[in-house]
């Protein structure tokens, strides 16, 4: 690097290649983790995937129950606010995870929520 702050084409290619390799390694690790629990096809489903989806659906239902109870109960307002926030967080996060699983199985699905 004889020039001040300017990279040659070769050096620039090495930097870009290293960044892509690091990103590819990260993507591959996530892909392998995902494939261990979820079938890649939309025509099949593993037992673990069924249980994970069942838990997420249960958490969404529990969040909606918390919201309904927070709106109609006669308990202290502080506890009602906590129930409301916990219900909203549960519904949002678990629905987003369910949508992410759906997007991974049905390639080309255009919609996402929170987690892309």
PDB file of N, CA and C in Angstrom:
ATOM      1  N   UNK A   1       0.846  -1.184   0.000  1.00  0.00           N
ATOM      2  CA  UNK A   1       0.000   0.000   0.000  1.00  0.00           C
ATOM      3  C   UNK A   1       0.885   1.239   0.000  1.00  0.00           C
ATOM      4  N   UNK A   2       1.418   1.578  -1.158  1.00  0.00           N
ATOM      5  CA  UNK A   2       2.271   2.741  -1.268  1.00  0.00           C
ATOM      6  C   UNK A   2       1.477   4.028  -1.305  1.00  0.00           C
ATOM      7  N   UNK A   3       0.236   3.957  -1.721  1.00  0.00           N
ATOM      8  CA  UNK A   3      -0.583   5.166  -1.809  1.00  0.00           C
ATOM      9  C   UNK A   3      -1.208   5.457  -0.456  1.00  0.00           C
ATOM     10  N   UNK A   4      -1.595   6.685  -0.270  1.00  0.00           N
ATOM     11  CA  UNK A   4      -2.213   7.085   0.992  1.00  0.00           C
ATOM     12  C   UNK A   4      -3.716   6.787   0.959  1.00  0.00           C
ATOM     13  N   UNK A   5      -4.145   5.809   1.756  1.00  0.00           N
ATOM     14  CA  UNK A   5      -5.576   5.560   1.952  1.00  0.00           C
ATOM     15  C   UNK A   5      -6.316   5.026   0.752  1.00  0.00           C
ATOM     16  N   UNK A   6      -5.618   4.689  -0.343  1.00  0.00           N
ATOM     17  CA  UNK A   6      -6.316   4.196  -1.524  1.00  0.00           C
ATOM     18  C   UNK A   6      -5.928   2.744  -1.738  1.00  0.00           C
ATOM     19  N   UNK A   7      -6.901   1.887  -1.913  1.00  0.00           N
ATOM     20  CA  UNK A   7      -6.644   0.472  -2.098  1.00  0.00           C
ATOM     21  C   UNK A   7      -6.556   0.148  -3.583  1.00  0.00           C
ATOM     22  N   UNK A   8      -5.688  -0.790  -3.909  1.00  0.00           N
ATOM     23  CA  UNK A   8      -5.631  -1.258  -5.287  1.00  0.00           C
ATOM     24  C   UNK A   8      -6.841  -2.155  -5.533  1.00  0.00           C
ATOM     25  N   UNK A   9      -7.040  -2.511  -6.785  1.00  0.00           N
ATOM     26  CA  UNK A   9      -8.169  -3.371  -7.112  1.00  0.00           C
ATOM     27  C   UNK A   9      -8.055  -4.731  -6.436  1.00  0.00           C
ATOM     28  N   UNK A  10      -6.853  -5.264  -6.384  1.00  0.00           N
ATOM     29  CA  UNK A  10      -6.635  -6.550  -5.734  1.00  0.00           C
ATOM     30  C   UNK A  10      -6.961  -6.474  -4.246  1.00  0.00           C
ATOM     31  N   UNK A  11      -6.467  -5.441  -3.575  1.00  0.00           N
ATOM     32  CA  UNK A  11      -6.721  -5.295  -2.139  1.00  0.00           C
ATOM     33  C   UNK A  11      -8.196  -5.069  -1.861  1.00  0.00           C
ATOM     34  N   UNK A  12      -8.861  -4.291  -2.701  1.00  0.00           N
ATOM     35  CA  UNK A  12     -10.290  -4.061  -2.545  1.00  0.00           C
ATOM     36  C   UNK A  12     -11.057  -5.367  -2.714  1.00  0.00           C
ATOM     37  N   UNK A  13     -10.639  -6.188  -3.689  1.00  0.00           N
ATOM     38  CA  UNK A  13     -11.274  -7.487  -3.899  1.00  0.00           C
ATOM     39  C   UNK A  13     -11.081  -8.418  -2.716  1.00  0.00           C
ATOM     40  N   UNK A  14      -9.901  -8.353  -2.094  1.00  0.00           N
ATOM     41  CA  UNK A  14      -9.642  -9.187  -0.917  1.00  0.00           C
ATOM     42  C   UNK A  14     -10.541  -8.783   0.252  1.00  0.00           C
ATOM     43  N   UNK A  15     -10.739  -7.478   0.442  1.00  0.00           N
ATOM     44  CA  UNK A  15     -11.595  -6.995   1.526  1.00  0.00           C
ATOM     45  C   UNK A  15     -13.040  -7.409   1.282  1.00  0.00           C
ATOM     46  N   UNK A  16     -13.515  -7.222   0.056  1.00  0.00           N
ATOM     47  CA  UNK A  16     -14.893  -7.590  -0.271  1.00  0.00           C
ATOM     48  C   UNK A  16     -15.081  -9.100  -0.137  1.00  0.00           C
ATOM     49  N   UNK A  17     -14.098  -9.875  -0.598  1.00  0.00           N
ATOM     50  CA  UNK A  17     -14.182 -11.327  -0.487  1.00  0.00           C
ATOM     51  C   UNK A  17     -14.221 -11.796   0.955  1.00  0.00           C
ATOM     52  N   UNK A  18     -13.435 -11.168   1.821  1.00  0.00           N
ATOM     53  CA  UNK A  18     -13.434 -11.532   3.239  1.00  0.00           C
ATOM     54  C   UNK A  18     -14.775 -11.201   3.880  1.00  0.00           C
ATOM     55  N   UNK A  19     -15.339 -10.065   3.513  1.00  0.00           N
ATOM     56  CA  UNK A  19     -16.650  -9.706   4.081  1.00  0.00           C
ATOM     57  C   UNK A  19     -17.721 -10.665   3.624  1.00  0.00           C
ATOM     58  N   UNK A  20     -17.691 -11.040   2.348  1.00  0.00           N
ATOM     59  CA  UNK A  20     -18.691 -11.981   1.827  1.00  0.00           C
ATOM     60  C   UNK A  20     -18.525 -13.351   2.467  1.00  0.00           C
ATOM     61  N   UNK A  21     -17.289 -13.774   2.683  1.00  0.00           N
ATOM     62  CA  UNK A  21     -17.060 -15.080   3.313  1.00  0.00           C
ATOM     63  C   UNK A  21     -17.595 -15.098   4.740  1.00  0.00           C
ATOM     64  N   UNK A  22     -17.395 -14.010   5.467  1.00  0.00           N
ATOM     65  CA  UNK A  22     -17.910 -13.941   6.831  1.00  0.00           C
ATOM     66  C   UNK A  22     -19.433 -13.965   6.837  1.00  0.00           C
ATOM     67  N   UNK A  23     -20.052 -13.247   5.920  1.00  0.00           N
ATOM     68  CA  UNK A  23     -21.512 -13.234   5.831  1.00  0.00           C
ATOM     69  C   UNK A  23     -22.037 -14.599   5.414  1.00  0.00           C
ATOM     70  N   UNK A  24     -21.352 -15.251   4.472  1.00  0.00           N
ATOM     71  CA  UNK A  24     -21.768 -16.574   4.028  1.00  0.00           C
ATOM     72  C   UNK A  24     -21.675 -17.583   5.164  1.00  0.00           C
ATOM     73  N   UNK A  25     -20.613 -17.499   5.955  1.00  0.00           N
ATOM     74  CA  UNK A  25     -20.456 -18.401   7.096  1.00  0.00           C
ATOM     75  C   UNK A  25     -21.592 -18.203   8.091  1.00  0.00           C
ATOM     76  N   UNK A  26     -21.961 -16.951   8.354  1.00  0.00           N
ATOM     77  CA  UNK A  26     -23.062 -16.656   9.271  1.00  0.00           C
ATOM     78  C   UNK A  26     -24.380 -17.177   8.698  1.00  0.00           C
ATOM     79  N   UNK A  27     -24.625 -16.930   7.406  1.00  0.00           N
ATOM     80  CA  UNK A  27     -25.862 -17.399   6.780  1.00  0.00           C
ATOM     81  C   UNK A  27     -25.935 -18.914   6.772  1.00  0.00           C
ATOM     82  N   UNK A  28     -24.801 -19.578   6.523  1.00  0.00           N
ATOM     83  CA  UNK A  28     -24.783 -21.030   6.493  1.00  0.00           C
ATOM     84  C   UNK A  28     -25.066 -21.613   7.872  1.00  0.00           C
ATOM     85  N   UNK A  29     -24.512 -20.985   8.912  1.00  0.00           N
ATOM     86  CA  UNK A  29     -24.758 -21.452  10.268  1.00  0.00           C
ATOM     87  C   UNK A  29     -26.244 -21.332  10.614  1.00  0.00           C
ATOM     88  N   UNK A  30     -26.867 -20.215  10.251  1.00  0.00           N
ATOM     89  CA  UNK A  30     -28.300 -20.057  10.506  1.00  0.00           C
ATOM     90  C   UNK A  30     -29.120 -21.049   9.699  1.00  0.00           C
ATOM     91  N   UNK A  31     -28.703 -21.284   8.453  1.00  0.00           N
ATOM     92  CA  UNK A  31     -29.427 -22.213   7.596  1.00  0.00           C
ATOM     93  C   UNK A  31     -29.355 -23.633   8.149  1.00  0.00           C
ATOM     94  N   UNK A  32     -28.184 -24.058   8.607  1.00  0.00           N
ATOM     95  CA  UNK A  32     -28.048 -25.394   9.169  1.00  0.00           C
ATOM     96  C   UNK A  32     -28.840 -25.529  10.461  1.00  0.00           C
ATOM     97  N   UNK A  33     -28.853 -24.489  11.294  1.00  0.00           N
ATOM     98  CA  UNK A  33     -29.648 -24.521  12.515  1.00  0.00           C
ATOM     99  C   UNK A  33     -31.124 -24.615  12.173  1.00  0.00           C
ATOM    100  N   UNK A  34     -31.548 -23.848  11.183  1.00  0.00           N
ATOM    101  CA  UNK A  34     -32.949 -23.845  10.795  1.00  0.00           C
ATOM    102  C   UNK A  34     -33.344 -25.199  10.220  1.00  0.00           C
ATOM    103  N   UNK A  35     -32.459 -25.808   9.428  1.00  0.00           N
ATOM    104  CA  UNK A  35     -32.801 -27.068   8.787  1.00  0.00           C
ATOM    105  C   UNK A  35     -32.875 -28.225   9.767  1.00  0.00           C
ATOM    106  N   UNK A  36     -32.282 -28.086  10.933  1.00  0.00           N
ATOM    107  CA  UNK A  36     -32.331 -29.186  11.877  1.00  0.00           C
ATOM    108  C   UNK A  36     -33.713 -29.334  12.522  1.00  0.00           C
ATOM    109  N   UNK A  37     -34.518 -28.287  12.507  1.00  0.00           N
ATOM    110  CA  UNK A  37     -35.849 -28.352  13.117  1.00  0.00           C
ATOM    111  C   UNK A  37     -36.988 -28.217  12.115  1.00  0.00           C
ATOM    112  N   UNK A  38     -36.736 -27.622  10.965  1.00  0.00           N
ATOM    113  CA  UNK A  38     -37.796 -27.339  10.000  1.00  0.00           C
ATOM    114  C   UNK A  38     -37.472 -27.972   8.655  1.00  0.00           C
ATOM    115  N   UNK A  39     -38.445 -28.591   8.058  1.00  0.00           N
ATOM    116  CA  UNK A  39     -38.274 -29.176   6.732  1.00  0.00           C
ATOM    117  C   UNK A  39     -38.296 -28.047   5.711  1.00  0.00           C
ATOM    118  N   UNK A  40     -37.426 -28.133   4.721  1.00  0.00           N
ATOM    119  CA  UNK A  40     -37.319 -27.064   3.736  1.00  0.00           C
ATOM    120  C   UNK A  40     -38.476 -26.999   2.763  1.00  0.00           C
ATOM    121  N   UNK A  41     -39.241 -28.060   2.633  1.00  0.00           N
ATOM    122  CA  UNK A  41     -40.333 -28.104   1.671  1.00  0.00           C
ATOM    123  C   UNK A  41     -41.646 -27.721   2.342  1.00  0.00           C
ATOM    124  N   UNK A  42     -42.550 -27.235   1.529  1.00  0.00           N
ATOM    125  CA  UNK A  42     -43.872 -26.909   2.059  1.00  0.00           C
ATOM    126  C   UNK A  42     -44.778 -28.133   2.089  1.00  0.00           C
ATOM    127  N   UNK A  43     -44.293 -29.269   1.578  1.00  0.00           N
ATOM    128  CA  UNK A  43     -45.097 -30.484   1.509  1.00  0.00           C
ATOM    129  C   UNK A  43     -44.834 -31.448   2.668  1.00  0.00           C
ATOM    130  N   UNK A  44     -43.900 -31.118   3.554  1.00  0.00           N
ATOM    131  CA  UNK A  44     -43.576 -32.010   4.665  1.00  0.00           C
ATOM    132  C   UNK A  44     -43.339 -31.189   5.925  1.00  0.00           C
ATOM    133  N   UNK A  45     -43.376 -31.881   7.064  1.00  0.00           N
ATOM    134  CA  UNK A  45     -43.195 -31.190   8.334  1.00  0.00           C
ATOM    135  C   UNK A  45     -42.628 -32.170   9.351  1.00  0.00           C
ATOM    136  N   UNK A  46     -41.586 -31.744  10.091  1.00  0.00           N
ATOM    137  CA  UNK A  46     -40.996 -32.567  11.131  1.00  0.00           C
ATOM    138  C   UNK A  46     -41.845 -32.486  12.405  1.00  0.00           C
ATOM    139  N   UNK A  47     -41.659 -33.444  13.299  1.00  0.00           N
ATOM    140  CA  UNK A  47     -42.386 -33.455  14.567  1.00  0.00           C
ATOM    141  C   UNK A  47     -41.976 -32.251  15.408  1.00  0.00           C
ATOM    142  N   UNK A  48     -40.675 -31.942  15.438  1.00  0.00           N
ATOM    143  CA  UNK A  48     -40.211 -30.783  16.211  1.00  0.00           C
ATOM    144  C   UNK A  48     -40.831 -29.497  15.686  1.00  0.00           C
ATOM    145  N   UNK A  49     -40.956 -29.394  14.376  1.00  0.00           N
ATOM    146  CA  UNK A  49     -41.581 -28.202  13.786  1.00  0.00           C
ATOM    147  C   UNK A  49     -43.036 -28.088  14.225  1.00  0.00           C
ATOM    148  N   UNK A  50     -43.730 -29.197  14.272  1.00  0.00           N
ATOM    149  CA  UNK A  50     -45.123 -29.192  14.716  1.00  0.00           C
ATOM    150  C   UNK A  50     -45.228 -28.677  16.147  1.00  0.00           C
ATOM    151  N   UNK A  51     -44.333 -29.138  17.003  1.00  0.00           N
ATOM    152  CA  UNK A  51     -44.376 -28.706  18.405  1.00  0.00           C
ATOM    153  C   UNK A  51     -43.998 -27.242  18.561  1.00  0.00           C
ATOM    154  N   UNK A  52     -43.026 -26.775  17.795  1.00  0.00           N
ATOM    155  CA  UNK A  52     -42.630 -25.366  17.867  1.00  0.00           C
ATOM    156  C   UNK A  52     -43.770 -24.472  17.398  1.00  0.00           C
ATOM    157  N   UNK A  53     -44.411 -24.838  16.302  1.00  0.00           N
ATOM    158  CA  UNK A  53     -45.547 -24.051  15.801  1.00  0.00           C
ATOM    159  C   UNK A  53     -46.695 -24.089  16.809  1.00  0.00           C
ATOM    160  N   UNK A  54     -46.908 -25.244  17.444  1.00  0.00           N
ATOM    161  CA  UNK A  54     -47.940 -25.354  18.471  1.00  0.00           C
ATOM    162  C   UNK A  54     -47.660 -24.414  19.642  1.00  0.00           C
ATOM    163  N   UNK A  55     -46.397 -24.356  20.082  1.00  0.00           N
ATOM    164  CA  UNK A  55     -46.045 -23.452  21.178  1.00  0.00           C
ATOM    165  C   UNK A  55     -46.226 -21.984  20.791  1.00  0.00           C
ATOM    166  N   UNK A  56     -45.836 -21.631  19.577  1.00  0.00           N
ATOM    167  CA  UNK A  56     -46.011 -20.243  19.134  1.00  0.00           C
ATOM    168  C   UNK A  56     -47.494 -19.879  19.051  1.00  0.00           C
ATOM    169  N   UNK A  57     -48.313 -20.774  18.524  1.00  0.00           N
ATOM    170  CA  UNK A  57     -49.756 -20.506  18.475  1.00  0.00           C
ATOM    171  C   UNK A  57     -50.333 -20.388  19.879  1.00  0.00           C
ATOM    172  N   UNK A  58     -49.863 -21.228  20.806  1.00  0.00           N
ATOM    173  CA  UNK A  58     -50.306 -21.128  22.193  1.00  0.00           C
ATOM    174  C   UNK A  58     -49.901 -19.810  22.836  1.00  0.00           C
ATOM    175  N   UNK A  59     -48.683 -19.335  22.517  1.00  0.00           N
ATOM    176  CA  UNK A  59     -48.230 -18.054  23.070  1.00  0.00           C
ATOM    177  C   UNK A  59     -49.037 -16.892  22.501  1.00  0.00           C
ATOM    178  N   UNK A  60     -49.407 -16.962  21.231  1.00  0.00           N
ATOM    179  CA  UNK A  60     -50.258 -15.913  20.649  1.00  0.00           C
ATOM    180  C   UNK A  60     -51.619 -15.924  21.340  1.00  0.00           C
ATOM    181  N   UNK A  61     -52.172 -17.110  21.549  1.00  0.00           N
ATOM    182  CA  UNK A  61     -53.469 -17.215  22.237  1.00  0.00           C
ATOM    183  C   UNK A  61     -53.382 -16.708  23.672  1.00  0.00           C
ATOM    184  N   UNK A  62     -52.297 -17.057  24.370  1.00  0.00           N
ATOM    185  CA  UNK A  62     -52.123 -16.581  25.747  1.00  0.00           C
ATOM    186  C   UNK A  62     -51.986 -15.063  25.790  1.00  0.00           C
ATOM    187  N   UNK A  63     -51.327 -14.481  24.806  1.00  0.00           N
ATOM    188  CA  UNK A  63     -51.204 -13.032  24.740  1.00  0.00           C
ATOM    189  C   UNK A  63     -52.549 -12.354  24.533  1.00  0.00           C
ATOM    190  N   UNK A  64     -53.384 -12.949  23.695  1.00  0.00           N
ATOM    191  CA  UNK A  64     -54.719 -12.386  23.471  1.00  0.00           C
ATOM    192  C   UNK A  64     -55.572 -12.525  24.730  1.00  0.00           C
ATOM    193  N   UNK A  65     -55.436 -13.650  25.434  1.00  0.00           N
ATOM    194  CA  UNK A  65     -56.166 -13.829  26.699  1.00  0.00           C
ATOM    195  C   UNK A  65     -55.708 -12.795  27.724  1.00  0.00           C
ATOM    196  N   UNK A  66     -54.398 -12.553  27.802  1.00  0.00           N
ATOM    197  CA  UNK A  66     -53.891 -11.520  28.713  1.00  0.00           C
ATOM    198  C   UNK A  66     -54.468 -10.145  28.376  1.00  0.00           C
ATOM    199  N   UNK A  67     -54.545  -9.825  27.102  1.00  0.00           N
ATOM    200  CA  UNK A  67     -55.115  -8.531  26.688  1.00  0.00           C
ATOM    201  C   UNK A  67     -56.586  -8.427  27.084  1.00  0.00           C
ATOM    202  N   UNK A  68     -57.337  -9.496  26.866  1.00  0.00           N
ATOM    203  CA  UNK A  68     -58.763  -9.471  27.232  1.00  0.00           C
ATOM    204  C   UNK A  68     -58.954  -9.357  28.741  1.00  0.00           C
ATOM    205  N   UNK A  69     -58.158 -10.092  29.502  1.00  0.00           N
ATOM    206  CA  UNK A  69     -58.259 -10.029  30.959  1.00  0.00           C
ATOM    207  C   UNK A  69     -57.824  -8.660  31.487  1.00  0.00           C
ATOM    208  N   UNK A  70     -56.822  -8.067  30.865  1.00  0.00           N
ATOM    209  CA  UNK A  70     -56.372  -6.743  31.303  1.00  0.00           C
ATOM    210  C   UNK A  70     -57.445  -5.688  31.044  1.00  0.00           C
ATOM    211  N   UNK A  71     -58.216  -5.881  30.000  1.00  0.00           N
ATOM    212  CA  UNK A  71     -59.245  -4.894  29.660  1.00  0.00           C
ATOM    213  C   UNK A  71     -60.489  -5.026  30.522  1.00  0.00           C
ATOM    214  N   UNK A  72     -60.797  -6.237  30.984  1.00  0.00           N
ATOM    215  CA  UNK A  72     -62.079  -6.439  31.668  1.00  0.00           C
ATOM    216  C   UNK A  72     -61.968  -6.732  33.161  1.00  0.00           C
ATOM    217  N   UNK A  73     -60.761  -6.855  33.706  1.00  0.00           N
ATOM    218  CA  UNK A  73     -60.636  -7.215  35.131  1.00  0.00           C
ATOM    219  C   UNK A  73     -60.698  -5.971  36.022  1.00  0.00           C
ATOM    220  N   UNK A  74     -60.898  -6.220  37.309  1.00  0.00           N
ATOM    221  CA  UNK A  74     -61.008  -5.135  38.291  1.00  0.00           C
ATOM    222  C   UNK A  74     -59.782  -5.076  39.203  1.00  0.00           C
ATOM    223  N   UNK A  75     -58.633  -5.493  38.726  1.00  0.00           N
ATOM    224  CA  UNK A  75     -57.431  -5.468  39.562  1.00  0.00           C
ATOM    225  C   UNK A  75     -56.756  -4.107  39.447  1.00  0.00           C
ATOM    226  N   UNK A  76     -55.684  -3.927  40.206  1.00  0.00           N
ATOM    227  CA  UNK A  76     -54.974  -2.651  40.280  1.00  0.00           C
ATOM    228  C   UNK A  76     -54.472  -2.263  38.881  1.00  0.00           C
ATOM    229  N   UNK A  77     -54.496  -0.978  38.594  1.00  0.00           N
ATOM    230  CA  UNK A  77     -54.161  -0.486  37.259  1.00  0.00           C
ATOM    231  C   UNK A  77     -52.726  -0.821  36.867  1.00  0.00           C
ATOM    232  N   UNK A  78     -51.809  -0.856  37.830  1.00  0.00           N
ATOM    233  CA  UNK A  78     -50.417  -1.183  37.519  1.00  0.00           C
ATOM    234  C   UNK A  78     -50.271  -2.601  36.985  1.00  0.00           C
ATOM    235  N   UNK A  79     -50.984  -3.547  37.609  1.00  0.00           N
ATOM    236  CA  UNK A  79     -50.946  -4.933  37.140  1.00  0.00           C
ATOM    237  C   UNK A  79     -51.639  -5.073  35.790  1.00  0.00           C
ATOM    238  N   UNK A  80     -52.683  -4.294  35.580  1.00  0.00           N
ATOM    239  CA  UNK A  80     -53.374  -4.330  34.291  1.00  0.00           C
ATOM    240  C   UNK A  80     -52.470  -3.832  33.169  1.00  0.00           C
ATOM    241  N   UNK A  81     -51.667  -2.796  33.445  1.00  0.00           N
ATOM    242  CA  UNK A  81     -50.733  -2.291  32.434  1.00  0.00           C
ATOM    243  C   UNK A  81     -49.665  -3.332  32.105  1.00  0.00           C
ATOM    244  N   UNK A  82     -49.163  -4.009  33.140  1.00  0.00           N
ATOM    245  CA  UNK A  82     -48.160  -5.050  32.922  1.00  0.00           C
ATOM    246  C   UNK A  82     -48.751  -6.198  32.097  1.00  0.00           C
ATOM    247  N   UNK A  83     -49.981  -6.595  32.425  1.00  0.00           N
ATOM    248  CA  UNK A  83     -50.645  -7.643  31.655  1.00  0.00           C
ATOM    249  C   UNK A  83     -50.834  -7.230  30.202  1.00  0.00           C
ATOM    250  N   UNK A  84     -51.181  -5.976  29.999  1.00  0.00           N
ATOM    251  CA  UNK A  84     -51.404  -5.472  28.640  1.00  0.00           C
ATOM    252  C   UNK A  84     -50.102  -5.473  27.829  1.00  0.00           C
ATOM    253  N   UNK A  85     -49.033  -4.980  28.424  1.00  0.00           N
ATOM    254  CA  UNK A  85     -47.745  -4.941  27.723  1.00  0.00           C
ATOM    255  C   UNK A  85     -47.244  -6.358  27.447  1.00  0.00           C
ATOM    256  N   UNK A  86     -47.370  -7.259  28.427  1.00  0.00           N
ATOM    257  CA  UNK A  86     -46.939  -8.647  28.235  1.00  0.00           C
ATOM    258  C   UNK A  86     -47.759  -9.320  27.133  1.00  0.00           C
ATOM    259  N   UNK A  87     -49.056  -9.045  27.093  1.00  0.00           N
ATOM    260  CA  UNK A  87     -49.909  -9.617  26.054  1.00  0.00           C
ATOM    261  C   UNK A  87     -49.556  -9.110  24.671  1.00  0.00           C
ATOM    262  N   UNK A  88     -49.327  -7.817  24.553  1.00  0.00           N
ATOM    263  CA  UNK A  88     -48.961  -7.245  23.254  1.00  0.00           C
ATOM    264  C   UNK A  88     -47.620  -7.796  22.780  1.00  0.00           C
ATOM    265  N   UNK A  89     -46.640  -7.862  23.684  1.00  0.00           N
ATOM    266  CA  UNK A  89     -45.318  -8.391  23.316  1.00  0.00           C
ATOM    267  C   UNK A  89     -45.409  -9.851  22.897  1.00  0.00           C
ATOM    268  N   UNK A  90     -46.169 -10.634  23.634  1.00  0.00           N
ATOM    269  CA  UNK A  90     -46.320 -12.047  23.301  1.00  0.00           C
ATOM    270  C   UNK A  90     -46.952 -12.233  21.926  1.00  0.00           C
ATOM    271  N   UNK A  91     -48.006 -11.499  21.659  1.00  0.00           N
ATOM    272  CA  UNK A  91     -48.679 -11.622  20.368  1.00  0.00           C
ATOM    273  C   UNK A  91     -47.766 -11.169  19.232  1.00  0.00           C
ATOM    274  N   UNK A  92     -47.107 -10.041  19.402  1.00  0.00           N
ATOM    275  CA  UNK A  92     -46.270  -9.522  18.329  1.00  0.00           C
ATOM    276  C   UNK A  92     -45.080 -10.426  18.032  1.00  0.00           C
ATOM    277  N   UNK A  93     -44.341 -10.831  19.060  1.00  0.00           N
ATOM    278  CA  UNK A  93     -43.143 -11.639  18.838  1.00  0.00           C
ATOM    279  C   UNK A  93     -43.475 -13.020  18.281  1.00  0.00           C
ATOM    280  N   UNK A  94     -44.433 -13.689  18.903  1.00  0.00           N
ATOM    281  CA  UNK A  94     -44.744 -15.049  18.466  1.00  0.00           C
ATOM    282  C   UNK A  94     -45.404 -15.073  17.099  1.00  0.00           C
ATOM    283  N   UNK A  95     -46.236 -14.089  16.794  1.00  0.00           N
ATOM    284  CA  UNK A  95     -46.817 -14.028  15.452  1.00  0.00           C
ATOM    285  C   UNK A  95     -45.740 -13.744  14.419  1.00  0.00           C
ATOM    286  N   UNK A  96     -44.785 -12.894  14.775  1.00  0.00           N
ATOM    287  CA  UNK A  96     -43.683 -12.610  13.860  1.00  0.00           C
ATOM    288  C   UNK A  96     -42.846 -13.859  13.607  1.00  0.00           C
ATOM    289  N   UNK A  97     -42.581 -14.651  14.654  1.00  0.00           N
ATOM    290  CA  UNK A  97     -41.833 -15.897  14.472  1.00  0.00           C
ATOM    291  C   UNK A  97     -42.613 -16.886  13.614  1.00  0.00           C
ATOM    292  N   UNK A  98     -43.911 -16.979  13.830  1.00  0.00           N
ATOM    293  CA  UNK A  98     -44.730 -17.856  12.992  1.00  0.00           C
ATOM    294  C   UNK A  98     -44.680 -17.427  11.530  1.00  0.00           C
ATOM    295  N   UNK A  99     -44.758 -16.135  11.294  1.00  0.00           N
ATOM    296  CA  UNK A  99     -44.695 -15.628   9.932  1.00  0.00           C
ATOM    297  C   UNK A  99     -43.324 -15.872   9.308  1.00  0.00           C
ATOM    298  N   UNK A 100     -42.270 -15.804  10.109  1.00  0.00           N
ATOM    299  CA  UNK A 100     -40.927 -16.090   9.604  1.00  0.00           C
ATOM    300  C   UNK A 100     -40.795 -17.554   9.194  1.00  0.00           C
ATOM    301  N   UNK A 101     -41.370 -18.455   9.977  1.00  0.00           N
ATOM    302  CA  UNK A 101     -41.354 -19.880   9.619  1.00  0.00           C
ATOM    303  C   UNK A 101     -42.126 -20.093   8.327  1.00  0.00           C
ATOM    304  N   UNK A 102     -43.267 -19.446   8.211  1.00  0.00           N
ATOM    305  CA  UNK A 102     -44.086 -19.573   7.005  1.00  0.00           C
ATOM    306  C   UNK A 102     -43.330 -19.059   5.784  1.00  0.00           C
ATOM    307  N   UNK A 103     -42.655 -17.919   5.932  1.00  0.00           N
ATOM    308  CA  UNK A 103     -41.892 -17.360   4.810  1.00  0.00           C
ATOM    309  C   UNK A 103     -40.745 -18.262   4.405  1.00  0.00           C
ATOM    310  N   UNK A 104     -40.133 -18.935   5.382  1.00  0.00           N
ATOM    311  CA  UNK A 104     -39.021 -19.832   5.063  1.00  0.00           C
ATOM    312  C   UNK A 104     -39.501 -21.076   4.318  1.00  0.00           C
ATOM    313  N   UNK A 105     -40.693 -21.536   4.619  1.00  0.00           N
ATOM    314  CA  UNK A 105     -41.206 -22.737   3.970  1.00  0.00           C
ATOM    315  C   UNK A 105     -41.830 -22.438   2.610  1.00  0.00           C
ATOM    316  N   UNK A 106     -42.520 -21.349   2.488  1.00  0.00           N
ATOM    317  CA  UNK A 106     -43.169 -20.973   1.236  1.00  0.00           C
ATOM    318  C   UNK A 106     -42.364 -19.841   0.612  1.00  0.00           C
ATOM    319  N   UNK A 107     -41.402 -20.223  -0.211  1.00  0.00           N
ATOM    320  CA  UNK A 107     -40.475 -19.259  -0.799  1.00  0.00           C
ATOM    321  C   UNK A 107     -41.229 -18.284  -1.691  1.00  0.00           C
ATOM    322  N   UNK A 108     -40.896 -17.021  -1.538  1.00  0.00           N
ATOM    323  CA  UNK A 108     -41.534 -15.990  -2.336  1.00  0.00           C
ATOM    324  C   UNK A 108     -42.689 -15.305  -1.646  1.00  0.00           C
ATOM    325  N   UNK A 109     -43.014 -15.696  -0.409  1.00  0.00           N
ATOM    326  CA  UNK A 109     -44.091 -15.013   0.329  1.00  0.00           C
ATOM    327  C   UNK A 109     -43.635 -13.600   0.658  1.00  0.00           C
ATOM    328  N   UNK A 110     -44.374 -12.587   0.235  1.00  0.00           N
ATOM    329  CA  UNK A 110     -43.837 -11.220   0.270  1.00  0.00           C
ATOM    330  C   UNK A 110     -43.958 -10.482   1.609  1.00  0.00           C
ATOM    331  N   UNK A 111     -44.740 -10.956   2.544  1.00  0.00           N
ATOM    332  CA  UNK A 111     -45.022 -10.172   3.744  1.00  0.00           C
ATOM    333  C   UNK A 111     -44.175 -10.616   4.933  1.00  0.00           C
ATOM    334  N   UNK A 112     -43.801  -9.669   5.781  1.00  0.00           N
ATOM    335  CA  UNK A 112     -43.079  -9.987   7.009  1.00  0.00           C
ATOM    336  C   UNK A 112     -43.518  -9.013   8.091  1.00  0.00           C
ATOM    337  N   UNK A 113     -43.222  -9.391   9.331  1.00  0.00           N
ATOM    338  CA  UNK A 113     -43.587  -8.542  10.474  1.00  0.00           C
ATOM    339  C   UNK A 113     -42.470  -8.651  11.484  1.00  0.00           C
ATOM    340  N   UNK A 114     -41.869  -7.557  11.863  1.00  0.00           N
ATOM    341  CA  UNK A 114     -40.776  -7.434  12.821  1.00  0.00           C
ATOM    342  C   UNK A 114     -39.496  -8.111  12.339  1.00  0.00           C
ATOM    343  N   UNK A 115     -39.512  -9.403  12.078  1.00  0.00           N
ATOM    344  CA  UNK A 115     -38.290 -10.120  11.711  1.00  0.00           C
ATOM    345  C   UNK A 115     -38.333 -10.479  10.234  1.00  0.00           C
ATOM    346  N   UNK A 116     -37.367  -9.969   9.499  1.00  0.00           N
ATOM    347  CA  UNK A 116     -37.371 -10.193   8.050  1.00  0.00           C
ATOM    348  C   UNK A 116     -36.540 -11.333   7.706  1.00  0.00           C
TER     349      UNK A 116
END
